[in-house]
Amino acid sequence: MMIELVFTSLFVGLTSAVTDINAEARATRKKVKVFILAGQSNMEGHGQIQSLDHLGNHPQYGHLLKKLKALDSSWAVSNNVFVSWQTYGQPRRHAPLSVGQGATENSVGPELMFGTIMSGEYDMPILLIKTAWGGKDVYCDFRSPGAGDPDGDAERRLEKERSEGQGREVGVYYRLMVSEIFNTLEKIGEIVPSYQGQGYELAGLVWFQGWNDFCQWPEFPGIISDYPRHLSTMIHDLRQDLNVPEMPFVIGELGIGGEEMVEKAKGENNHEARAIVHFRQGQRTVASESGLEKVTFVPTADFWDNRLQELRQISDRWWNEKRKKGIPDSEENHLPTKELNDEYLQRGNHWYCHYNGSASNYCLIGYALAQALINGE
């Protein structure tokens, strides 16, 4: 009996010691930094990987390309930043940060440079939760509970859709965004290999969206005017629903068209340029006049590749010529000469609304968004 008591006492003491060691180890481990990257297709990312090396040619930020490369010049794979994301036609998945985590396996979004910059800033595991869907707006799709029922031009727009048999459910993607965030956090141990129960910190949310609200300008301009109200309410509701009332929130400017849109907007007949400038001012207003704290507006229009836009316009004209002449499309004839075609593919190759596919543009946006969060601490 005495031997059993001694053995039991030793076992309990050993178990207690191991428990104390584990508790101490958990206490010394740093919490995982979690950043939410949310929005629509430009947060998904359509920067063509084939154009990523062109970042090295940027006169001011070309040095950033080295941060994306391994010692053998292949694309680096992070050892402390992990991404949860979804590409078209595939279920949500996770992996260490690298290329190919955009809208397709051949593309990148802001996450690549954003995560790379954060990796150099924080000595702890980092998780990026990408929750974005193409073609989604704030006046309906991401409309949060506090915004109430759609009114004004938003109501009129949705009524028109219903009359055409294309009705939508209000707020579906807001709810889906919240559920994706919670579902991912519940599985954090599967995504972050070093996670041992030390907890996590929701360190910020980056919002990069706006095209589908902006492009209502011809018929429903009130949607642009109401964007600050819709987005401000969404920020407030998200902080409540995620239970992080002071979570930093960063808004990436809709930079499509670049800074020259400001000059174009001075023309009396360029209504599209006026609309995009109006929209950008609305984004800025959310950070400066909404009364919300820890909200930052990040300019991105200056990263627009004007030369790529010129090539895109040549490509569009050449496309019409090919239709007339019966010339089939190929990767070798986006533009009429090999020299122009090679330059075009080197810089991008996608839609205007997706920054013409410039991986450099998406990386510079990711860099600016990361810096805004770092400087805001």
Protein backbone atom coordinates (compact mmCIF):
# COMPACT_ATOMS: atom_id res chain seq x y z
CA MET A 1 0.00 0.00 0.00
CA MET A 2 2.83 2.39 0.91
CA ILE A 3 4.53 1.69 -2.45
CA GLU A 4 1.29 2.42 -4.29
CA LEU A 5 0.86 5.69 -2.40
CA VAL A 6 4.43 6.74 -3.19
CA PHE A 7 4.01 5.80 -6.87
CA THR A 8 0.70 7.69 -7.07
CA SER A 9 2.25 10.71 -5.42
CA LEU A 10 5.18 10.63 -7.85
CA PHE A 11 2.82 10.23 -10.83
CA VAL A 12 0.65 13.14 -9.73
CA GLY A 13 3.72 15.27 -9.11
CA LEU A 14 5.18 14.40 -12.51
CA THR A 15 1.88 15.11 -14.26
CA SER A 16 1.61 18.43 -12.45
CA ALA A 17 5.16 19.31 -13.46
CA VAL A 18 4.52 18.45 -17.11
CA THR A 19 1.32 20.48 -17.02
CA ASP A 20 3.21 23.42 -15.56
CA ILE A 21 5.89 23.11 -18.24
CA ASN A 22 3.28 23.01 -21.01
CA ALA A 23 1.48 26.01 -19.54
CA GLU A 24 4.76 27.89 -19.29
CA ALA A 25 5.63 26.97 -22.88
CA ARG A 26 2.26 28.20 -24.11
CA ALA A 27 2.70 31.41 -22.17
CA THR A 28 6.08 32.10 -23.77
CA ARG A 29 4.85 31.41 -27.30
CA LYS A 30 3.72 34.52 -29.11
CA LYS A 31 0.14 34.78 -30.26
CA VAL A 32 -0.52 34.36 -33.95
CA LYS A 33 -1.01 37.69 -35.74
CA VAL A 34 -4.15 37.39 -37.85
CA PHE A 35 -4.93 39.79 -40.70
CA ILE A 36 -8.16 39.65 -42.69
CA LEU A 37 -7.91 40.53 -46.38
CA ALA A 38 -11.43 41.21 -47.62
CA GLY A 39 -13.21 42.61 -50.65
CA GLN A 40 -14.01 41.57 -54.21
CA SER A 41 -12.02 40.40 -57.25
CA ASN A 42 -9.08 42.75 -56.77
CA MET A 43 -8.54 41.34 -53.29
CA GLU A 44 -8.75 37.87 -54.79
CA GLY A 45 -6.00 39.08 -57.10
CA HIS A 46 -5.51 38.96 -60.87
CA GLY A 47 -1.85 39.91 -61.09
CA GLN A 48 -0.35 37.51 -63.63
CA ILE A 49 2.67 35.67 -62.21
CA GLN A 50 4.39 35.96 -65.59
CA SER A 51 4.52 39.72 -65.01
CA LEU A 52 5.83 39.63 -61.44
CA ASP A 53 9.48 40.12 -62.37
CA HIS A 54 8.53 43.49 -63.86
CA LEU A 55 8.27 44.79 -60.30
CA GLY A 56 12.08 44.92 -60.33
CA ASN A 57 11.94 47.68 -62.95
CA HIS A 58 10.04 50.09 -60.74
CA PRO A 59 12.22 53.17 -60.13
CA GLN A 60 11.22 53.54 -56.48
CA TYR A 61 10.11 50.10 -55.33
CA GLY A 62 12.06 47.75 -57.57
CA HIS A 63 14.10 46.52 -54.60
CA LEU A 64 10.97 44.83 -53.22
CA LEU A 65 11.23 42.07 -55.82
CA LYS A 66 14.20 40.58 -53.94
CA LYS A 67 11.95 39.99 -50.95
CA LEU A 68 9.83 37.63 -53.07
CA LYS A 69 12.75 35.49 -54.23
CA ALA A 70 14.58 32.54 -52.69
CA LEU A 71 18.38 32.24 -52.89
CA ASP A 72 18.09 30.22 -56.10
CA SER A 73 15.88 32.99 -57.63
CA SER A 74 12.75 30.85 -57.45
CA TRP A 75 9.66 32.31 -55.81
CA ALA A 76 10.06 32.23 -52.04
CA VAL A 77 7.85 30.17 -49.74
CA SER A 78 7.37 31.74 -46.32
CA ASN A 79 8.18 29.84 -43.14
CA ASN A 80 6.09 31.99 -40.81
CA VAL A 81 3.22 33.43 -42.89
CA PHE A 82 0.28 31.21 -43.79
CA VAL A 83 -2.66 31.94 -46.04
CA SER A 84 -6.22 30.66 -46.08
CA TRP A 85 -7.78 31.43 -49.47
CA GLN A 86 -9.97 30.17 -52.25
CA THR A 87 -9.33 30.08 -56.00
CA TYR A 88 -12.05 29.79 -58.62
CA GLY A 89 -13.71 26.38 -58.69
CA GLN A 90 -11.84 24.99 -55.69
CA PRO A 91 -12.63 24.63 -51.99
CA ARG A 92 -10.94 26.88 -49.44
CA ARG A 93 -7.40 25.76 -48.73
CA HIS A 94 -4.31 26.89 -46.86
CA ALA A 95 -0.55 26.95 -47.40
CA PRO A 96 2.57 28.94 -46.56
CA LEU A 97 2.61 32.30 -48.33
CA SER A 98 3.91 32.18 -51.90
CA VAL A 99 2.80 32.91 -55.46
CA GLY A 100 -0.36 31.37 -56.89
CA GLN A 101 -2.68 32.37 -54.05
CA GLY A 102 -4.68 34.86 -56.11
CA ALA A 103 -7.93 34.34 -57.96
CA THR A 104 -6.25 31.53 -59.94
CA GLU A 105 -3.14 29.43 -59.53
CA ASN A 106 -1.45 31.67 -62.11
CA SER A 107 -2.08 34.92 -60.28
CA VAL A 108 -1.29 36.90 -57.16
CA GLY A 109 -3.13 39.57 -55.21
CA PRO A 110 -2.16 42.05 -52.50
CA GLU A 111 -1.56 39.15 -50.10
CA LEU A 112 1.87 38.30 -51.53
CA MET A 113 3.68 41.54 -50.70
CA PHE A 114 1.43 42.30 -47.73
CA GLY A 115 2.41 39.04 -46.04
CA THR A 116 6.06 39.44 -47.03
CA ILE A 117 6.26 42.86 -45.40
CA MET A 118 4.47 41.63 -42.28
CA SER A 119 6.90 38.72 -42.04
CA GLY A 120 9.80 41.14 -41.78
CA GLU A 121 7.98 43.23 -39.19
CA TYR A 122 6.79 40.60 -36.68
CA ASP A 123 8.70 37.79 -35.01
CA MET A 124 5.72 35.47 -34.67
CA PRO A 125 3.47 33.29 -36.81
CA ILE A 126 1.16 35.26 -39.13
CA LEU A 127 -2.12 34.12 -40.65
CA LEU A 128 -3.75 35.87 -43.60
CA ILE A 129 -7.44 35.09 -44.06
CA LYS A 130 -8.53 36.05 -47.56
CA THR A 131 -12.28 36.39 -47.80
CA ALA A 132 -13.20 37.92 -51.16
CA TRP A 133 -15.49 37.28 -54.10
CA GLY A 134 -15.51 38.82 -57.55
CA GLY A 135 -18.29 41.13 -58.69
CA LYS A 136 -19.63 42.01 -55.23
CA ASP A 137 -20.80 45.38 -53.90
CA VAL A 138 -21.44 47.02 -50.54
CA TYR A 139 -24.90 48.42 -51.27
CA CYS A 140 -26.30 44.85 -51.46
CA ASP A 141 -23.89 41.90 -51.28
CA PHE A 142 -21.77 43.10 -48.33
CA ARG A 143 -24.56 45.20 -46.83
CA SER A 144 -24.35 44.76 -43.06
CA PRO A 145 -27.28 44.62 -40.61
CA GLY A 146 -26.77 48.17 -39.33
CA ALA A 147 -27.36 49.62 -42.80
CA GLY A 148 -30.98 48.51 -42.76
CA ASP A 149 -32.93 47.81 -45.92
CA PRO A 150 -31.62 49.25 -49.18
CA ASP A 151 -32.93 52.72 -49.94
CA GLY A 152 -32.44 55.46 -52.53
CA ASP A 153 -30.63 54.43 -55.68
CA ALA A 154 -29.65 51.10 -54.14
CA GLU A 155 -33.32 50.21 -53.72
CA ARG A 156 -34.08 51.36 -57.25
CA ARG A 157 -31.18 49.35 -58.67
CA LEU A 158 -32.29 46.19 -56.88
CA GLU A 159 -35.90 46.69 -57.94
CA LYS A 160 -34.73 46.91 -61.54
CA GLU A 161 -32.82 43.64 -61.12
CA ARG A 162 -35.89 41.93 -59.66
CA SER A 163 -38.04 43.14 -62.54
CA GLU A 164 -35.51 41.52 -64.89
CA GLY A 165 -35.57 38.24 -62.97
CA GLN A 166 -32.16 38.76 -61.37
CA GLY A 167 -33.05 39.38 -57.75
CA ARG A 168 -30.38 39.11 -55.06
CA GLU A 169 -30.50 38.45 -51.33
CA VAL A 170 -29.22 41.42 -49.34
CA GLY A 171 -26.18 40.90 -47.09
CA VAL A 172 -25.33 37.34 -48.14
CA TYR A 173 -21.61 38.02 -48.56
CA TYR A 174 -21.34 40.01 -45.37
CA ARG A 175 -22.63 36.99 -43.47
CA LEU A 176 -20.43 34.64 -45.46
CA MET A 177 -17.39 36.81 -44.76
CA VAL A 178 -18.01 36.66 -41.01
CA SER A 179 -18.60 32.90 -41.04
CA GLU A 180 -15.46 32.27 -43.11
CA ILE A 181 -13.37 34.23 -40.62
CA PHE A 182 -14.72 32.28 -37.63
CA ASN A 183 -14.50 28.93 -39.41
CA THR A 184 -10.88 29.57 -40.34
CA LEU A 185 -9.96 30.64 -36.81
CA GLU A 186 -11.50 27.45 -35.44
CA LYS A 187 -9.04 25.50 -37.61
CA ILE A 188 -6.02 27.65 -36.86
CA GLY A 189 -4.11 24.66 -35.50
CA GLU A 190 -4.41 22.94 -38.88
CA ILE A 191 -3.25 26.01 -40.79
CA VAL A 192 -0.39 27.32 -38.64
CA PRO A 193 1.98 24.38 -37.91
CA SER A 194 3.58 25.99 -34.85
CA TYR A 195 0.24 26.73 -33.19
CA GLN A 196 0.10 25.12 -29.75
CA GLY A 197 -2.89 26.83 -28.20
CA GLN A 198 -1.16 30.13 -27.46
CA GLY A 199 -4.05 32.10 -28.95
CA TYR A 200 -4.25 34.69 -31.68
CA GLU A 201 -4.77 38.40 -32.18
CA LEU A 202 -7.05 39.87 -34.83
CA ALA A 203 -4.53 42.55 -35.75
CA GLY A 204 -6.31 44.27 -38.62
CA LEU A 205 -8.66 44.08 -41.56
CA VAL A 206 -7.73 45.27 -45.05
CA TRP A 207 -10.59 46.23 -47.36
CA PHE A 208 -9.92 46.36 -51.11
CA GLN A 209 -13.17 46.69 -53.03
CA GLY A 210 -15.36 49.14 -54.87
CA TRP A 211 -15.59 48.49 -58.59
CA ASN A 212 -19.15 47.18 -58.52
CA ASP A 213 -20.38 50.14 -56.49
CA PHE A 214 -18.50 52.64 -58.65
CA CYS A 215 -19.70 51.24 -61.97
CA GLN A 216 -23.33 52.08 -61.13
CA TRP A 217 -22.54 55.74 -61.92
CA PRO A 218 -24.32 56.01 -65.30
CA GLU A 219 -27.80 55.17 -64.01
CA PHE A 220 -27.63 55.08 -60.21
CA PRO A 221 -25.04 57.67 -59.08
CA GLY A 222 -26.55 57.79 -55.60
CA ILE A 223 -24.89 54.44 -54.89
CA ILE A 224 -21.51 56.19 -55.05
CA SER A 225 -22.73 59.02 -52.82
CA ASP A 226 -24.00 56.46 -50.28
CA TYR A 227 -20.83 54.34 -50.33
CA PRO A 228 -19.26 56.07 -47.29
CA ARG A 229 -22.38 55.39 -45.23
CA HIS A 230 -22.59 51.77 -46.35
CA LEU A 231 -18.90 51.07 -45.70
CA SER A 232 -18.80 52.91 -42.37
CA THR A 233 -21.72 50.85 -41.13
CA MET A 234 -20.07 47.66 -42.33
CA ILE A 235 -16.87 48.50 -40.42
CA HIS A 236 -18.85 49.16 -37.25
CA ASP A 237 -20.84 45.94 -37.61
CA LEU A 238 -17.79 43.82 -38.43
CA ARG A 239 -15.97 45.01 -35.34
CA GLN A 240 -18.98 44.08 -33.26
CA ASP A 241 -19.56 40.70 -34.88
CA LEU A 242 -15.88 39.78 -34.60
CA ASN A 243 -15.79 41.10 -31.03
CA VAL A 244 -12.82 43.36 -31.74
CA PRO A 245 -14.24 46.87 -31.26
CA GLU A 246 -10.91 48.62 -31.93
CA MET A 247 -9.63 46.42 -34.74
CA PRO A 248 -7.59 48.56 -37.18
CA PHE A 249 -9.26 48.86 -40.57
CA VAL A 250 -7.43 49.85 -43.75
CA ILE A 251 -9.19 50.90 -46.97
CA GLY A 252 -7.30 50.49 -50.24
CA GLU A 253 -8.11 53.17 -52.82
CA LEU A 254 -9.79 52.14 -56.07
CA GLY A 255 -6.77 53.06 -58.16
CA ILE A 256 -7.94 51.88 -61.57
CA GLY A 257 -7.15 54.49 -64.21
CA GLY A 258 -4.38 55.99 -62.10
CA GLU A 259 -3.83 59.59 -61.08
CA GLU A 260 -4.64 60.87 -64.55
CA MET A 261 -8.32 60.32 -63.73
CA VAL A 262 -8.11 63.47 -61.60
CA GLU A 263 -7.07 65.52 -64.63
CA LYS A 264 -9.62 63.82 -66.88
CA ALA A 265 -12.37 64.61 -64.38
CA LYS A 266 -11.88 68.31 -65.05
CA GLY A 267 -13.34 67.81 -68.51
CA GLU A 268 -17.06 68.52 -68.70
CA ASN A 269 -17.90 65.36 -70.64
CA ASN A 270 -15.76 62.78 -68.90
CA HIS A 271 -18.43 61.52 -66.54
CA GLU A 272 -16.66 58.23 -65.84
CA ALA A 273 -13.53 60.00 -64.59
CA ARG A 274 -15.66 62.29 -62.44
CA ALA A 275 -17.41 59.26 -60.99
CA ILE A 276 -14.20 57.48 -60.05
CA VAL A 277 -12.78 60.62 -58.43
CA HIS A 278 -16.05 61.01 -56.52
CA PHE A 279 -15.83 57.39 -55.43
CA ARG A 280 -12.25 57.75 -54.24
CA GLN A 281 -13.23 60.84 -52.24
CA GLY A 282 -15.97 58.75 -50.64
CA GLN A 283 -13.46 56.10 -49.63
CA ARG A 284 -11.26 58.77 -48.09
CA THR A 285 -14.25 60.21 -46.25
CA VAL A 286 -14.81 56.93 -44.38
CA ALA A 287 -11.39 57.35 -42.78
CA SER A 288 -11.56 61.08 -42.15
CA GLU A 289 -15.16 62.02 -41.45
CA SER A 290 -17.11 58.96 -40.33
CA GLY A 291 -16.20 59.29 -36.66
CA LEU A 292 -14.71 55.79 -36.66
CA GLU A 293 -11.31 55.42 -35.02
CA LYS A 294 -8.37 53.43 -36.38
CA VAL A 295 -9.58 53.59 -39.97
CA THR A 296 -6.96 54.48 -42.58
CA PHE A 297 -7.34 55.35 -46.25
CA VAL A 298 -4.44 54.17 -48.43
CA PRO A 299 -3.84 55.86 -51.81
CA THR A 300 -2.96 53.38 -54.56
CA ALA A 301 -3.71 55.19 -57.85
CA ASP A 302 -0.08 56.22 -58.26
CA PHE A 303 0.88 52.56 -58.77
CA TRP A 304 -1.18 52.34 -61.98
CA ASP A 305 0.93 51.26 -64.98
CA ASN A 306 0.22 53.84 -67.69
CA ARG A 307 2.34 52.05 -70.28
CA LEU A 308 0.44 48.81 -69.69
CA GLN A 309 -2.80 50.72 -70.21
CA GLU A 310 -1.48 52.01 -73.56
CA LEU A 311 -0.65 48.43 -74.58
CA ARG A 312 -4.08 47.31 -73.46
CA GLN A 313 -5.72 49.89 -75.70
CA ILE A 314 -3.59 48.75 -78.64
CA SER A 315 -4.61 45.19 -77.85
CA ASP A 316 -8.29 46.12 -77.90
CA ARG A 317 -7.97 47.79 -81.27
CA TRP A 318 -5.99 44.85 -82.63
CA TRP A 319 -8.66 42.46 -81.36
CA ASN A 320 -11.23 44.22 -83.54
CA GLU A 321 -8.87 44.02 -86.50
CA LYS A 322 -8.40 40.30 -85.94
CA ARG A 323 -12.17 39.81 -85.99
CA LYS A 324 -12.39 41.59 -89.34
CA LYS A 325 -9.49 39.64 -90.83
CA GLY A 326 -10.42 36.26 -89.37
CA ILE A 327 -7.18 35.95 -87.42
CA PRO A 328 -7.51 33.56 -84.45
CA ASP A 329 -6.40 34.66 -80.97
CA SER A 330 -3.25 33.24 -79.38
CA GLU A 331 -0.73 34.09 -76.69
CA GLU A 332 1.57 35.29 -79.46
CA ASN A 333 -0.80 37.86 -80.98
CA HIS A 334 -2.46 39.87 -78.21
CA LEU A 335 -0.79 42.77 -80.02
CA PRO A 336 0.17 43.15 -83.67
CA THR A 337 3.97 42.77 -83.29
CA LYS A 338 6.14 40.38 -81.29
CA GLU A 339 7.92 43.25 -79.58
CA LEU A 340 4.67 44.79 -78.35
CA ASN A 341 3.21 41.39 -77.46
CA ASP A 342 6.25 40.46 -75.37
CA GLU A 343 6.14 43.79 -73.54
CA TYR A 344 2.42 43.37 -72.87
CA LEU A 345 2.86 39.89 -71.37
CA GLN A 346 5.84 41.10 -69.35
CA ARG A 347 3.70 43.76 -67.72
CA GLY A 348 0.34 42.01 -67.30
CA ASN A 349 -2.47 40.73 -69.56
CA HIS A 350 -5.90 40.95 -67.98
CA TRP A 351 -8.94 43.22 -67.76
CA TYR A 352 -8.88 46.95 -67.14
CA CYS A 353 -10.91 46.51 -63.94
CA HIS A 354 -8.22 44.10 -62.70
CA TYR A 355 -5.36 46.56 -63.10
CA ASN A 356 -4.70 45.03 -66.52
CA GLY A 357 -3.24 41.98 -64.78
CA SER A 358 -0.18 43.78 -63.42
CA ALA A 359 1.36 41.69 -60.64
CA SER A 360 3.62 44.64 -59.91
CA ASN A 361 0.57 46.84 -59.28
CA TYR A 362 -0.97 44.30 -56.89
CA CYS A 363 2.31 43.93 -55.01
CA LEU A 364 2.71 47.68 -54.57
CA ILE A 365 -0.84 47.88 -53.27
CA GLY A 366 -0.08 45.07 -50.80
CA TYR A 367 3.05 46.93 -49.72
CA ALA A 368 1.14 50.16 -49.09
CA LEU A 369 -1.63 48.39 -47.19
CA ALA A 370 0.87 46.64 -44.93
CA GLN A 371 2.77 49.84 -44.24
CA ALA A 372 -0.46 51.59 -43.28
CA LEU A 373 -1.21 48.98 -40.62
CA ILE A 374 2.35 48.96 -39.33
CA ASN A 375 2.54 52.75 -39.11
CA GLY A 376 -0.87 52.90 -37.45
CA GLU A 377 0.23 50.92 -34.41
